[in-house]
Protein backbone atom coordinates (compact mmCIF):
# COMPACT_ATOMS: atom_id res chain seq x y z
CA UNK A 1 226.30 -5.30 111.36
CA UNK A 2 224.62 -8.34 112.90
CA UNK A 3 224.78 -11.82 111.45
CA UNK A 4 221.13 -11.65 110.45
CA UNK A 5 221.54 -8.42 108.48
CA UNK A 6 224.27 -9.69 106.18
CA UNK A 7 222.30 -12.26 104.19
CA UNK A 8 219.14 -10.15 104.19
CA UNK A 9 220.92 -7.21 102.53
CA UNK A 10 222.72 -9.53 100.16
CA UNK A 11 219.57 -11.26 98.95
CA UNK A 12 217.48 -8.10 98.58
CA UNK A 13 220.13 -6.21 96.62
CA UNK A 14 221.02 -8.99 94.23
CA UNK A 15 217.50 -9.71 93.12
CA UNK A 16 218.66 -13.04 91.73
CA UNK A 17 215.80 -15.14 92.89
CA UNK A 18 217.42 -15.84 96.22
CA UNK A 19 213.98 -16.19 97.78
CA UNK A 20 213.90 -19.68 96.36
CA UNK A 21 216.84 -20.71 98.53
CA UNK A 22 216.17 -23.25 101.24
CA UNK A 23 216.40 -22.27 104.88
CA UNK A 24 219.53 -24.40 105.18
CA UNK A 25 221.30 -22.59 102.36
CA UNK A 26 220.32 -19.22 103.82
CA UNK A 27 221.90 -20.26 107.11
CA UNK A 28 225.06 -21.38 105.31
CA UNK A 29 225.40 -18.05 103.48
CA UNK A 30 224.86 -16.37 106.83
CA UNK A 31 227.79 -18.28 108.28
CA UNK A 32 230.11 -17.94 105.30
CA UNK A 33 229.56 -14.24 104.58
CA UNK A 34 229.57 -13.09 108.18
CA UNK A 35 232.72 -10.92 108.27
CA UNK A 36 233.97 -12.28 111.57
CA UNK A 37 236.60 -14.94 111.80
CA UNK A 38 236.66 -15.37 115.55
CA UNK A 39 233.88 -17.43 117.06
CA UNK A 40 234.82 -16.17 120.50
CA UNK A 41 232.30 -13.71 121.91
CA UNK A 42 234.78 -11.73 123.98
CA UNK A 43 238.17 -10.40 122.96
CA UNK A 44 240.07 -8.44 125.55
CA UNK A 45 241.10 -4.83 125.00
CA UNK A 46 244.75 -5.74 125.53
CA UNK A 47 244.58 -8.39 122.82
CA UNK A 48 243.05 -5.86 120.42
CA UNK A 49 245.77 -3.30 121.15
CA UNK A 50 248.52 -5.87 120.70
CA UNK A 51 247.08 -6.78 117.31
CA UNK A 52 247.25 -3.21 115.98
CA UNK A 53 247.86 -2.96 112.23
CA UNK A 54 248.32 0.20 110.17
CA UNK A 55 247.26 0.37 106.53
CA UNK A 56 248.34 3.23 104.25
CA UNK A 57 246.25 4.24 101.25
CA UNK A 58 244.28 7.18 99.92
CA UNK A 59 240.70 8.21 99.17
CA UNK A 60 240.24 6.15 95.98
CA UNK A 61 236.71 4.75 95.96
CA UNK A 62 238.00 1.24 95.40
CA UNK A 63 239.50 1.40 98.89
CA UNK A 64 236.20 2.41 100.52
CA UNK A 65 235.72 -1.01 102.09
CA UNK A 66 238.93 -0.63 104.11
CA UNK A 67 237.64 2.65 105.54
CA UNK A 68 234.08 1.47 106.25
CA UNK A 69 232.89 1.09 109.81
CA UNK A 70 231.47 -2.33 108.96
CA UNK A 71 234.90 -3.59 107.94
CA UNK A 72 236.71 -2.05 110.89
CA UNK A 73 234.23 -3.59 113.32
CA UNK A 74 234.57 -6.98 111.62
CA UNK A 75 238.36 -6.73 111.92
CA UNK A 76 238.02 -6.10 115.65
CA UNK A 77 235.77 -9.14 116.03
CA UNK A 78 238.52 -11.15 114.37
CA UNK A 79 240.94 -10.05 117.08
CA UNK A 80 242.74 -7.34 115.10
CA UNK A 81 242.76 -3.56 115.32
CA UNK A 82 243.22 -1.77 111.99
CA UNK A 83 244.04 1.89 111.49
CA UNK A 84 243.65 3.26 107.96
CA UNK A 85 245.69 6.35 107.10
CA UNK A 86 245.74 8.48 103.95
CA UNK A 87 249.10 9.15 102.34
CA UNK A 88 248.56 10.64 98.91
CA UNK A 89 252.23 10.92 97.96
CA UNK A 90 253.12 7.49 96.58
CA UNK A 91 256.85 7.88 97.26
CA UNK A 92 256.18 8.91 100.86
CA UNK A 93 253.71 6.03 101.22
CA UNK A 94 256.43 3.56 100.27
CA UNK A 95 258.99 5.36 102.43
CA UNK A 96 256.75 5.28 105.51
CA UNK A 97 255.99 1.64 104.80
CA UNK A 98 259.70 0.81 104.58
CA UNK A 99 260.40 2.71 107.80
CA UNK A 100 257.92 0.56 109.72
CA UNK A 101 255.23 3.23 110.07
CA UNK A 102 252.71 0.86 108.51
CA UNK A 103 252.26 -2.87 108.16
CA UNK A 104 250.28 -2.85 104.91
CA UNK A 105 249.55 -0.54 102.03
CA UNK A 106 247.12 -0.43 99.14
CA UNK A 107 248.29 0.94 95.81
CA UNK A 108 248.26 0.35 92.06
CA UNK A 109 250.44 -2.30 90.47
CA UNK A 110 252.44 0.26 88.50
CA UNK A 111 253.21 2.25 91.67
CA UNK A 112 254.16 -0.95 93.48
CA UNK A 113 256.72 -1.67 90.76
CA UNK A 114 257.89 1.92 90.53
CA UNK A 115 258.25 2.58 94.29
CA UNK A 116 259.46 -0.94 95.18
CA UNK A 117 258.18 -1.09 98.78
CA UNK A 118 259.78 -3.73 100.99
CA UNK A 119 256.94 -6.21 100.91
CA UNK A 120 254.90 -8.55 98.75
CA UNK A 121 251.51 -8.42 97.09
CA UNK A 122 249.21 -10.60 99.20
CA UNK A 123 245.83 -9.69 97.75
CA UNK A 124 244.14 -8.04 94.77
CA UNK A 125 241.47 -5.39 95.15
CA UNK A 126 240.13 -4.43 91.73
CA UNK A 127 240.75 -3.60 88.12
CA UNK A 128 239.17 -0.55 86.55
CA UNK A 129 236.89 -1.15 83.58
CA UNK A 130 236.15 2.35 82.37
CA UNK A 131 236.71 4.34 85.55
CA UNK A 132 239.86 5.89 84.02
CA UNK A 133 239.91 7.41 80.55
CA UNK A 134 241.70 9.70 78.09
CA UNK A 135 239.45 12.61 77.10
CA UNK A 136 239.98 14.87 74.08
CA UNK A 137 238.95 18.53 74.17
CA UNK A 138 236.34 18.27 71.44
CA UNK A 139 234.44 21.21 72.93
CA UNK A 140 237.29 23.59 72.10
CA UNK A 141 238.54 21.75 69.01
CA UNK A 142 235.43 20.25 67.31
CA UNK A 143 237.42 18.01 64.94
CA UNK A 144 239.45 16.47 67.77
CA UNK A 145 237.78 13.07 68.00
CA UNK A 146 240.66 10.64 67.56
CA UNK A 147 244.39 10.35 68.08
CA UNK A 148 244.82 10.81 64.32
CA UNK A 149 243.21 14.23 64.61
CA UNK A 150 245.27 14.89 67.75
CA UNK A 151 248.47 14.30 65.80
CA UNK A 152 247.40 16.76 63.11
CA UNK A 153 246.46 19.38 65.71
CA UNK A 154 249.78 19.00 67.52
CA UNK A 155 251.67 19.39 64.23
CA UNK A 156 249.73 22.55 63.36
CA UNK A 157 250.57 24.00 66.76
CA UNK A 158 254.23 23.06 66.36
CA UNK A 159 254.35 24.87 63.01
CA UNK A 160 253.17 27.99 64.84
CA UNK A 161 255.71 27.56 67.61
CA UNK A 162 252.98 26.59 70.06
CA UNK A 163 252.46 23.54 72.28
CA UNK A 164 249.32 21.95 73.59
CA UNK A 165 248.88 20.84 77.19
CA UNK A 166 247.89 17.47 78.61
CA UNK A 167 246.60 17.47 82.18
CA UNK A 168 246.27 14.64 84.69
CA UNK A 169 246.71 13.86 88.37
CA UNK A 170 250.34 12.92 88.93
CA UNK A 171 251.40 9.51 90.27
CA UNK A 172 247.90 8.13 89.77
CA UNK A 173 246.29 5.68 87.31
CA UNK A 174 245.68 8.72 85.09
CA UNK A 175 249.39 9.24 84.57
CA UNK A 176 249.98 5.54 84.05
CA UNK A 177 247.20 5.34 81.45
CA UNK A 178 248.84 8.22 79.58
CA UNK A 179 252.14 6.34 79.74
CA UNK A 180 250.49 3.21 78.36
CA UNK A 181 249.11 5.13 75.40
CA UNK A 182 252.42 6.80 74.61
CA UNK A 183 254.01 3.34 74.30
CA UNK A 184 251.26 1.89 72.11
CA UNK A 185 250.06 4.57 69.68
CA UNK A 186 251.97 6.38 66.95
CA UNK A 187 250.09 9.66 67.38
CA UNK A 188 250.07 9.89 71.18
CA UNK A 189 253.41 11.14 72.47
CA UNK A 190 253.73 12.73 75.90
CA UNK A 191 256.84 14.51 74.62
CA UNK A 192 254.60 16.50 72.24
CA UNK A 193 252.79 18.14 75.15
CA UNK A 194 253.39 20.48 77.97
CA UNK A 195 252.49 18.24 80.91
CA UNK A 196 250.38 19.76 83.67
CA UNK A 197 250.20 17.58 86.78
CA UNK A 198 247.45 18.34 89.25
CA UNK A 199 246.46 16.83 92.60
CA UNK A 200 243.17 15.24 91.61
CA UNK A 201 240.98 14.38 88.63
CA UNK A 202 238.55 17.07 89.76
CA UNK A 203 241.30 19.62 89.13
CA UNK A 204 242.08 18.12 85.72
CA UNK A 205 238.41 18.31 84.79
CA UNK A 206 238.30 22.00 85.74
CA UNK A 207 241.40 22.75 83.66
CA UNK A 208 239.95 20.91 80.64
CA UNK A 209 236.84 23.09 80.76
CA UNK A 210 238.80 26.34 81.07
CA UNK A 211 238.65 28.04 77.66
CA UNK A 212 241.70 30.11 78.58
CA UNK A 213 243.85 26.99 78.87
CA UNK A 214 245.46 25.51 75.74
CA UNK A 215 244.51 21.96 76.81
CA UNK A 216 243.98 19.28 74.17
CA UNK A 217 243.88 16.19 76.40
CA UNK A 218 242.94 15.33 79.97
CA UNK A 219 243.13 11.96 81.68
CA UNK A 220 240.27 11.64 84.15
CA UNK A 221 238.56 9.14 86.38
CA UNK A 222 234.93 8.76 87.32
CA UNK A 223 232.62 10.54 87.87
CA UNK A 224 234.34 13.10 85.63
CA UNK A 225 234.63 10.73 82.67
CA UNK A 226 230.84 10.42 82.51
CA UNK A 227 230.45 14.16 82.97
CA UNK A 228 232.89 14.85 80.14
CA UNK A 229 231.12 12.42 77.83
CA UNK A 230 227.75 13.99 78.69
CA UNK A 231 229.09 17.46 77.84
CA UNK A 232 230.33 16.43 74.41
CA UNK A 233 234.02 15.75 74.99
CA UNK A 234 235.46 12.68 73.23
CA UNK A 235 236.46 9.75 75.42
CA UNK A 236 239.01 8.28 73.04
CA UNK A 237 240.16 5.34 75.17
CA UNK A 238 239.36 4.04 78.65
CA UNK A 239 240.42 1.26 80.97
CA UNK A 240 237.44 -0.70 79.65
CA UNK A 241 239.30 -0.89 76.34
CA UNK A 242 242.44 -2.13 78.12
CA UNK A 243 241.08 -4.51 80.77
CA UNK A 244 243.52 -5.44 83.50
CA UNK A 245 245.82 -2.50 82.78
CA UNK A 246 245.05 -0.70 86.04
CA UNK A 247 245.12 -3.07 89.02
CA UNK A 248 244.96 -2.22 92.72
CA UNK A 249 246.81 -4.47 95.14
CA UNK A 250 247.25 -5.16 98.86
CA UNK A 251 250.88 -5.23 100.00
CA UNK A 252 252.13 -6.66 103.31
CA UNK A 253 255.52 -5.69 104.69
CA UNK A 254 258.30 -8.25 104.88
CA UNK A 255 258.36 -7.61 108.61
CA UNK A 256 254.74 -8.64 109.01
CA UNK A 257 255.14 -11.62 106.69
CA UNK A 258 258.07 -12.91 108.72
CA UNK A 259 256.82 -12.13 112.24
CA UNK A 260 253.02 -12.48 112.21
CA UNK A 261 251.84 -14.09 108.96
CA UNK A 262 248.60 -15.27 110.59
CA UNK A 263 247.43 -11.65 110.86
CA UNK A 264 247.61 -11.24 107.10
CA UNK A 265 245.46 -14.32 106.54
CA UNK A 266 242.96 -13.13 109.15
CA UNK A 267 242.71 -9.67 107.63
CA UNK A 268 242.22 -11.05 104.12
CA UNK A 269 239.52 -13.42 105.34
CA UNK A 270 237.61 -10.50 106.82
CA UNK A 271 238.10 -8.34 103.74
CA UNK A 272 237.03 -10.93 101.19
CA UNK A 273 234.06 -12.05 103.28
CA UNK A 274 232.84 -8.48 103.14
CA UNK A 275 233.58 -8.30 99.42
CA UNK A 276 231.55 -11.50 98.92
CA UNK A 277 228.67 -9.56 100.38
CA UNK A 278 229.21 -5.95 99.31
CA UNK A 279 230.31 -6.43 95.71
CA UNK A 280 227.05 -8.30 95.08
CA UNK A 281 225.06 -5.66 96.95
CA UNK A 282 225.34 -2.74 94.58
CA UNK A 283 223.15 -0.44 96.63
CA UNK A 284 225.12 -0.95 99.83
CA UNK A 285 228.51 -0.49 98.15
CA UNK A 286 227.24 2.49 96.16
CA UNK A 287 226.03 4.13 99.37
CA UNK A 288 229.42 3.51 100.98
CA UNK A 289 231.28 5.09 98.03
CA UNK A 290 228.93 8.09 98.07
CA UNK A 291 229.42 8.58 101.81
CA UNK A 292 233.15 8.03 101.66
CA UNK A 293 233.70 10.46 98.80
CA UNK A 294 230.94 12.96 99.59
CA UNK A 295 229.38 12.18 96.22
CA UNK A 296 225.87 12.04 94.85
CA UNK A 297 224.31 8.63 94.38
CA UNK A 298 224.52 9.09 90.58
CA UNK A 299 228.24 9.87 90.67
CA UNK A 300 228.88 6.97 93.05
CA UNK A 301 227.01 4.70 90.63
CA UNK A 302 229.23 5.84 87.73
CA UNK A 303 232.30 5.03 89.79
CA UNK A 304 230.96 1.61 90.76
CA UNK A 305 230.24 0.71 87.14
CA UNK A 306 233.86 1.45 86.25
CA UNK A 307 235.41 -0.78 88.95
CA UNK A 308 235.56 -4.58 88.90
CA UNK A 309 236.33 -5.93 92.39
CA UNK A 310 238.19 -9.20 92.83
CA UNK A 311 236.69 -11.96 94.88
CA UNK A 312 239.18 -14.10 96.80
CA UNK A 313 238.74 -16.89 94.24
CA UNK A 314 239.55 -14.57 91.34
CA UNK A 315 242.52 -13.08 93.14
CA UNK A 316 243.96 -16.49 93.94
CA UNK A 317 243.48 -17.57 90.32
CA UNK A 318 245.39 -14.51 89.10
CA UNK A 319 248.23 -15.38 91.44
CA UNK A 320 248.42 -19.04 90.50
CA UNK A 321 247.63 -19.17 86.77
CA UNK A 322 250.38 -16.72 85.66
CA UNK A 323 247.95 -13.86 85.01
CA UNK A 324 249.49 -11.63 87.66
CA UNK A 325 253.00 -12.53 86.50
CA UNK A 326 252.15 -11.51 82.94
CA UNK A 327 250.52 -8.31 84.16
CA UNK A 328 253.65 -7.46 86.16
CA UNK A 329 255.82 -8.00 83.09
CA UNK A 330 253.65 -5.85 80.81
CA UNK A 331 253.35 -3.08 83.41
CA UNK A 332 257.11 -3.08 84.00
CA UNK A 333 257.70 -2.93 80.24
CA UNK A 334 255.61 0.24 79.98
CA UNK A 335 257.45 1.81 82.92
CA UNK A 336 260.79 0.96 81.32
CA UNK A 337 259.79 2.52 78.00
CA UNK A 338 258.85 5.78 79.69
CA UNK A 339 261.99 5.81 81.85
CA UNK A 340 260.38 5.02 85.21
CA UNK A 341 262.12 1.66 85.68
CA UNK A 342 265.54 0.39 84.68
CA UNK A 343 264.62 -3.23 84.04
CA UNK A 344 261.82 -5.76 84.15
CA UNK A 345 261.86 -7.84 87.38
CA UNK A 346 263.93 -10.98 86.85
CA UNK A 347 261.52 -13.15 88.82
CA UNK A 348 258.05 -11.59 89.07
CA UNK A 349 256.77 -14.48 91.19
CA UNK A 350 258.97 -13.26 94.05
CA UNK A 351 256.89 -10.07 94.22
CA UNK A 352 253.67 -11.77 95.33
CA UNK A 353 252.39 -14.77 97.22
CA UNK A 354 249.03 -16.57 97.28
CA UNK A 355 249.81 -18.11 100.66
CA UNK A 356 247.75 -15.68 102.71
CA UNK A 357 244.70 -15.56 100.46
CA UNK A 358 244.28 -19.34 100.45
CA UNK A 359 241.99 -19.47 103.50
CA UNK A 360 239.79 -16.66 102.20
CA UNK A 361 239.52 -18.45 98.87
CA UNK A 362 238.66 -21.72 100.60
CA UNK A 363 235.85 -19.96 102.48
CA UNK A 364 234.39 -18.59 99.26
CA UNK A 365 234.78 -21.93 97.48
CA UNK A 366 232.80 -23.62 100.24
CA UNK A 367 230.16 -20.94 99.98
CA UNK A 368 229.96 -21.44 96.21
CA UNK A 369 229.39 -25.17 96.66
CA UNK A 370 226.52 -24.58 99.06
CA UNK A 371 224.87 -21.82 97.05
CA UNK A 372 225.17 -23.59 93.70
CA UNK A 373 222.58 -26.15 94.75
CA UNK A 374 219.78 -23.60 94.75
CA UNK A 375 221.17 -20.65 92.82
CA UNK A 376 223.93 -21.41 90.28
CA UNK A 377 223.85 -17.84 88.94
CA UNK A 378 224.66 -16.45 92.37
CA UNK A 379 227.39 -19.07 92.80
CA UNK A 380 228.95 -17.99 89.50
CA UNK A 381 228.96 -14.39 90.65
CA UNK A 382 230.74 -15.36 93.86
CA UNK A 383 233.29 -17.11 91.64
CA UNK A 384 233.68 -13.95 89.58
CA UNK A 385 232.00 -15.35 86.49
CA UNK A 386 229.26 -13.85 84.37
CA UNK A 387 230.80 -10.35 84.29
CA UNK A 388 231.25 -10.07 80.55
CA UNK A 389 229.17 -7.48 78.73
CA UNK A 390 226.53 -8.55 76.22
CA UNK A 391 227.82 -10.35 73.11
CA UNK A 392 228.92 -8.01 70.39
CA UNK A 393 226.60 -7.78 67.37
CA UNK A 394 227.85 -9.11 64.06
CA UNK A 395 229.47 -6.29 62.13
CA UNK A 396 229.95 -6.55 58.41
CA UNK A 397 233.30 -5.47 56.91
CA UNK A 398 231.93 -2.13 55.74
CA UNK A 399 230.91 -1.21 59.28
CA UNK A 400 234.39 -1.96 60.64
CA UNK A 401 235.96 -0.14 57.68
CA UNK A 402 234.02 3.03 58.57
CA UNK A 403 233.99 2.70 62.39
CA UNK A 404 235.26 5.75 64.34
CA UNK A 405 239.04 5.99 64.46
CA UNK A 406 241.00 5.67 67.70
CA UNK A 407 244.59 5.64 66.49
CA UNK A 408 247.39 3.69 64.80
CA UNK A 409 249.39 1.22 66.84
CA UNK A 410 253.17 1.56 66.95
CA UNK A 411 254.97 -1.11 64.97
CA UNK A 412 258.01 -2.52 66.74
CA UNK A 413 259.71 -3.45 63.50
CA UNK A 414 258.81 -3.42 59.83
CA UNK A 415 255.90 -4.78 57.82
CA UNK A 416 257.36 -5.38 54.37
CA UNK A 417 256.57 -7.59 51.39
CA UNK A 418 258.56 -9.07 48.58
CA UNK A 419 258.65 -6.86 45.46
CA UNK A 420 255.27 -6.37 43.73
CA UNK A 421 253.68 -9.12 45.85
CA UNK A 422 251.65 -9.66 49.02
CA UNK A 423 254.13 -12.13 50.53
CA UNK A 424 255.36 -11.11 53.97
CA UNK A 425 259.06 -11.17 54.74
CA UNK A 426 260.26 -13.19 57.74
CA UNK A 427 261.08 -10.03 59.69
CA UNK A 428 257.59 -8.76 59.02
CA UNK A 429 256.12 -11.92 60.50
CA UNK A 430 258.17 -11.37 63.65
CA UNK A 431 256.83 -7.80 63.84
CA UNK A 432 253.25 -8.99 63.47
CA UNK A 433 253.77 -11.69 66.10
CA UNK A 434 254.72 -8.95 68.58
CA UNK A 435 251.87 -6.78 67.40
CA UNK A 436 249.30 -9.53 67.86
CA UNK A 437 250.28 -9.76 71.53
CA UNK A 438 249.79 -6.01 71.85
CA UNK A 439 246.35 -6.17 70.23
CA UNK A 440 245.36 -9.08 72.48
CA UNK A 441 245.49 -6.70 75.46
CA UNK A 442 242.64 -4.65 74.01
CA UNK A 443 239.01 -5.52 74.66
CA UNK A 444 237.56 -7.25 71.59
CA UNK A 445 234.09 -6.18 72.77
CA UNK A 446 234.90 -2.50 72.26
CA UNK A 447 237.90 -2.38 69.89
CA UNK A 448 238.15 -3.44 66.25
CA UNK A 449 241.18 -3.49 63.93
CA UNK A 450 241.45 -1.87 60.53
CA UNK A 451 244.50 -2.87 58.47
CA UNK A 452 245.23 -0.21 55.86
CA UNK A 453 247.55 -0.87 52.94
CA UNK A 454 249.31 1.92 51.04
CA UNK A 455 251.61 2.01 48.01
CA UNK A 456 253.66 4.68 46.31
CA UNK A 457 252.36 6.34 43.15
CA UNK A 458 254.99 4.59 41.03
CA UNK A 459 253.34 2.35 38.43
CA UNK A 460 249.74 1.76 37.34
CA UNK A 461 247.04 3.10 39.67
CA UNK A 462 244.83 -0.01 39.31
CA UNK A 463 247.74 -2.33 40.06
CA UNK A 464 248.68 -0.28 43.14
CA UNK A 465 245.11 -0.33 44.41
CA UNK A 466 244.84 -4.08 43.99
CA UNK A 467 248.26 -4.66 45.54
CA UNK A 468 247.48 -2.50 48.60
CA UNK A 469 244.26 -4.43 49.18
CA UNK A 470 245.99 -7.82 48.89
CA UNK A 471 248.77 -6.76 51.23
CA UNK A 472 246.33 -5.43 53.81
CA UNK A 473 244.35 -8.68 53.57
CA UNK A 474 247.52 -10.73 54.07
CA UNK A 475 248.28 -8.83 57.27
CA UNK A 476 244.69 -9.12 58.49
CA UNK A 477 244.72 -12.88 57.87
CA UNK A 478 248.06 -13.26 59.64
CA UNK A 479 246.81 -11.39 62.72
CA UNK A 480 243.60 -13.41 62.74
CA UNK A 481 245.60 -16.64 62.54
CA UNK A 482 247.44 -15.59 65.71
CA UNK A 483 244.20 -16.25 67.60
CA UNK A 484 242.89 -12.70 67.94
CA UNK A 485 239.14 -12.52 68.54
CA UNK A 486 238.82 -8.91 67.44
CA UNK A 487 236.90 -7.87 64.35
CA UNK A 488 239.61 -7.27 61.72
CA UNK A 489 239.08 -5.79 58.27
CA UNK A 490 241.51 -5.03 55.43
CA UNK A 491 241.33 -1.78 53.45
CA UNK A 492 243.50 -0.92 50.43
CA UNK A 493 244.15 2.76 49.73
CA UNK A 494 246.54 2.34 46.80
CA UNK A 495 248.59 5.50 46.29
CA UNK A 496 245.80 7.90 47.27
CA UNK A 497 247.28 8.92 50.65
CA UNK A 498 251.02 9.68 50.35
CA UNK A 499 252.91 10.75 53.47
CA UNK A 500 253.09 14.48 54.16
CA UNK A 501 256.32 15.98 52.84
CA UNK A 502 257.21 12.81 50.90
CA UNK A 503 257.19 12.60 47.09
CA UNK A 504 254.24 10.41 45.97
CA UNK A 505 256.57 8.03 44.10
CA UNK A 506 258.89 7.59 47.10
CA UNK A 507 259.00 4.00 48.39
CA UNK A 508 258.39 5.25 51.94
CA UNK A 509 254.74 5.55 50.97
CA UNK A 510 254.59 1.75 50.75
CA UNK A 511 253.40 1.13 54.28
CA UNK A 512 250.84 -0.69 56.41
CA UNK A 513 248.84 0.97 59.17
CA UNK A 514 247.29 -1.05 61.99
CA UNK A 515 244.48 1.15 63.21
CA UNK A 516 242.25 0.54 66.20
CA UNK A 517 238.63 1.61 65.78
CA UNK A 518 235.66 1.98 68.08
CA UNK A 519 233.01 -0.75 67.94
CA UNK A 520 230.02 -1.51 70.17
């Protein structure tokens, strides 16, 4: 791609009033977004061969830029020669990386922690914002529209000596999303299912549609999530509801970091310059994803809508403001709970470095300064701002109280009150403190919270109803006071819903459910 083509494509695709930019600003964008770091016109063949780098990855659409001819040509102009290779087995990818068969790899954060390759995270690629999702087989089981219904269905099957199947592509974000849910929701337990691991989401989608298969749940990625939703399956939870859960990263080997660190900086400059252009040019990136994955334009568009690419500025911010450190800790905690890791890293900051992304970020910052003069909206988009979805409408309590169920969160401790009162015990406050941090990970734009209070049937019905409402309200207020921005409503059920198999007057019926519901 020539220098002149870069800004022309960028301006036409964005449609952000760039035509009002001055000639000087257009020239500056041309210089800053041109994906070539070397200003030398000629680079010898020998130099290119000596600067050979190998990058291991797979065919995930978020990695399309690394495989594009535009990127590979830009890398050559920078004096490097990159070879991209597919290695779908994550363990083998890490093994080959450790053996020196590659200099870099791209992978998900959970796989980086699980496989422990001998290198550091040097860049961030994307987070998924809906591209991965848990889908319930509503077509076969019409009442299966929430995890509450899933729990009931699983129990019915267990009583018959049967077991339902969950299907997903192994060692992918699909499996990790299933692991996240099994650590967060009472009704979603991987141990309840026969697990069927397949090679790809396309295979999982085929199995879900097979009426001969006893499949209750599939974890898919786009474009199959949109196809499932269109065909009437229930998408119970997606990565849009848990933003930042699935993160793709760039890892450089310790060998490369120690011997030729300048190559890492050069490669990241090229990559993020192209991202500064392509991520704002939806048509160009969509065409690349379609070509790379042999997909229709519609399917490529669905994929693109579910992926949020990092700019260099965003990536550097994640690395320097503790966001990445917190994400590492939470990801490691999930992997520990499901038995995939033995312990949380003692010093997460040793697993990544912002050193090599600094120059790329500086380039984008300079571009932002120049563009902001004439087009502040475009400058904000280069900075990664303005991505939030439209403000959520104001819901009244009744709407939240009747919103579609998702499932009940696991309580890591007890929620108890002093006798015949709505006063929380100290241990209960500790439990709710932990719970508030769990809820904070969910998207307040799509997830609401329903606090449901229950009592036993011992005593007067009116008193129990009033007490359950007051207790639920106390919990709702406590969670709200922890700074949560989610819509939270309290609902008292009195003694009307005793636990199955438990005598109505048993004290075990005195409980509090923290239920997530679907809003917006």
